Amino acid sequence: MISANEYFDGQVKSLAYKSKTGNSTVGVMEPGEYEFGTSTHETMHVIEGEMTVKLPGETNWSTYKAGSSYQIDANKKFQVKVPSQTAYLCQYK
């Protein structure tokens, strides 16, 4: 079943679904700064746009553009800056 998620007063919206490879969400972020937390290991794929991310334990920010991805371990927080509408696919197990 597909479920809809909305975060940060509607600035981040996604659809959650299950596939043969596990759980996923596909969504869009409006321009802004966000902090997310994980409960499982996640792989974030940038579909369109870009994200500047500060991963757990890192002191520097890294920019990920369309076609790139990054990973976050379970039970961690990470920060994201989005300069324009950005689409993503998040896969987790």
Protein backbone atom coordinates (compact mmCIF):
# COMPACT_ATOMS: atom_id res chain seq x y z
CA MET A 1 0.00 0.00 0.00
CA ILE A 2 1.19 3.53 -0.74
CA SER A 3 1.16 6.03 2.12
CA ALA A 4 1.66 9.79 1.99
CA ASN A 5 4.03 11.61 4.37
CA GLU A 6 4.38 15.33 5.04
CA TYR A 7 7.07 17.02 7.14
CA PHE A 8 8.19 20.53 8.08
CA ASP A 9 4.78 22.18 7.56
CA GLY A 10 4.41 20.66 4.10
CA GLN A 11 7.87 21.67 2.88
CA VAL A 12 8.85 17.99 2.42
CA LYS A 13 6.37 15.48 0.98
CA SER A 14 6.85 11.85 0.05
CA LEU A 15 5.08 8.66 -0.90
CA ALA A 16 6.14 5.46 0.88
CA TYR A 17 5.96 2.05 -0.74
CA LYS A 18 7.44 -1.47 -0.53
CA SER A 19 9.25 -3.30 -3.30
CA LYS A 20 11.31 -6.47 -3.68
CA THR A 21 14.41 -4.57 -2.50
CA GLY A 22 12.78 -3.19 0.67
CA ASN A 23 11.03 -0.02 1.76
CA SER A 24 11.31 3.25 -0.14
CA THR A 25 10.01 6.79 -0.21
CA VAL A 26 10.01 9.07 -3.21
CA GLY A 27 9.48 12.76 -2.57
CA VAL A 28 10.21 16.42 -3.07
CA MET A 29 11.79 19.03 -0.79
CA GLU A 30 11.12 22.74 -1.07
CA PRO A 31 14.08 25.13 -0.66
CA GLY A 32 15.14 25.27 2.99
CA GLU A 33 17.20 23.72 5.77
CA TYR A 34 16.14 20.49 7.46
CA GLU A 35 17.30 17.99 10.05
CA PHE A 36 16.26 14.38 9.60
CA GLY A 37 16.65 11.32 11.83
CA THR A 38 16.92 7.69 10.78
CA SER A 39 15.60 4.55 12.40
CA THR A 40 17.18 2.21 9.83
CA HIS A 41 20.11 2.40 7.41
CA GLU A 42 19.13 4.66 4.49
CA THR A 43 20.43 5.33 1.00
CA MET A 44 19.34 8.69 -0.38
CA HIS A 45 19.36 9.11 -4.17
CA VAL A 46 19.05 12.62 -5.58
CA ILE A 47 16.75 12.42 -8.61
CA GLU A 48 16.56 16.10 -9.58
CA GLY A 49 18.07 19.23 -8.06
CA GLU A 50 20.71 19.09 -5.35
CA MET A 51 21.21 18.70 -1.60
CA THR A 52 24.03 20.00 0.54
CA VAL A 53 24.36 17.54 3.41
CA LYS A 54 26.19 17.38 6.72
CA LEU A 55 26.39 13.69 7.57
CA PRO A 56 26.72 12.37 11.14
CA GLY A 57 30.23 12.75 12.52
CA GLU A 58 31.31 15.04 9.67
CA THR A 59 32.39 18.65 10.09
CA ASN A 60 32.15 19.56 6.40
CA TRP A 61 29.09 19.85 4.18
CA SER A 62 28.98 17.89 0.88
CA THR A 63 26.81 18.66 -2.14
CA TYR A 64 24.99 15.84 -3.92
CA LYS A 65 23.50 16.57 -7.34
CA ALA A 66 21.06 14.65 -9.52
CA GLY A 67 22.35 11.14 -10.16
CA SER A 68 24.36 10.90 -6.93
CA SER A 69 23.58 9.28 -3.59
CA TYR A 70 24.73 9.06 0.01
CA GLN A 71 24.15 6.74 2.97
CA ILE A 72 23.21 7.28 6.59
CA ASP A 73 23.42 4.66 9.35
CA ALA A 74 20.49 3.79 11.59
CA ASN A 75 19.62 6.00 14.56
CA LYS A 76 21.55 9.04 13.30
CA LYS A 77 20.63 12.64 12.55
CA PHE A 78 21.80 14.57 9.52
CA GLN A 79 21.29 18.07 8.16
CA VAL A 80 20.22 19.03 4.64
CA LYS A 81 20.18 22.35 2.76
CA VAL A 82 18.14 22.53 -0.44
CA PRO A 83 18.53 25.60 -2.72
CA SER A 84 15.63 24.73 -5.08
CA GLN A 85 12.93 22.07 -5.33
CA THR A 86 14.71 18.74 -5.16
CA ALA A 87 13.36 15.25 -5.82
CA TYR A 88 14.74 12.18 -4.05
CA LEU A 89 14.38 8.43 -3.60
CA CYS A 90 15.17 7.10 -0.13
CA GLN A 91 15.67 3.34 0.22
CA TYR A 92 15.77 1.67 3.61
CA LYS A 93 15.38 -1.72 5.24
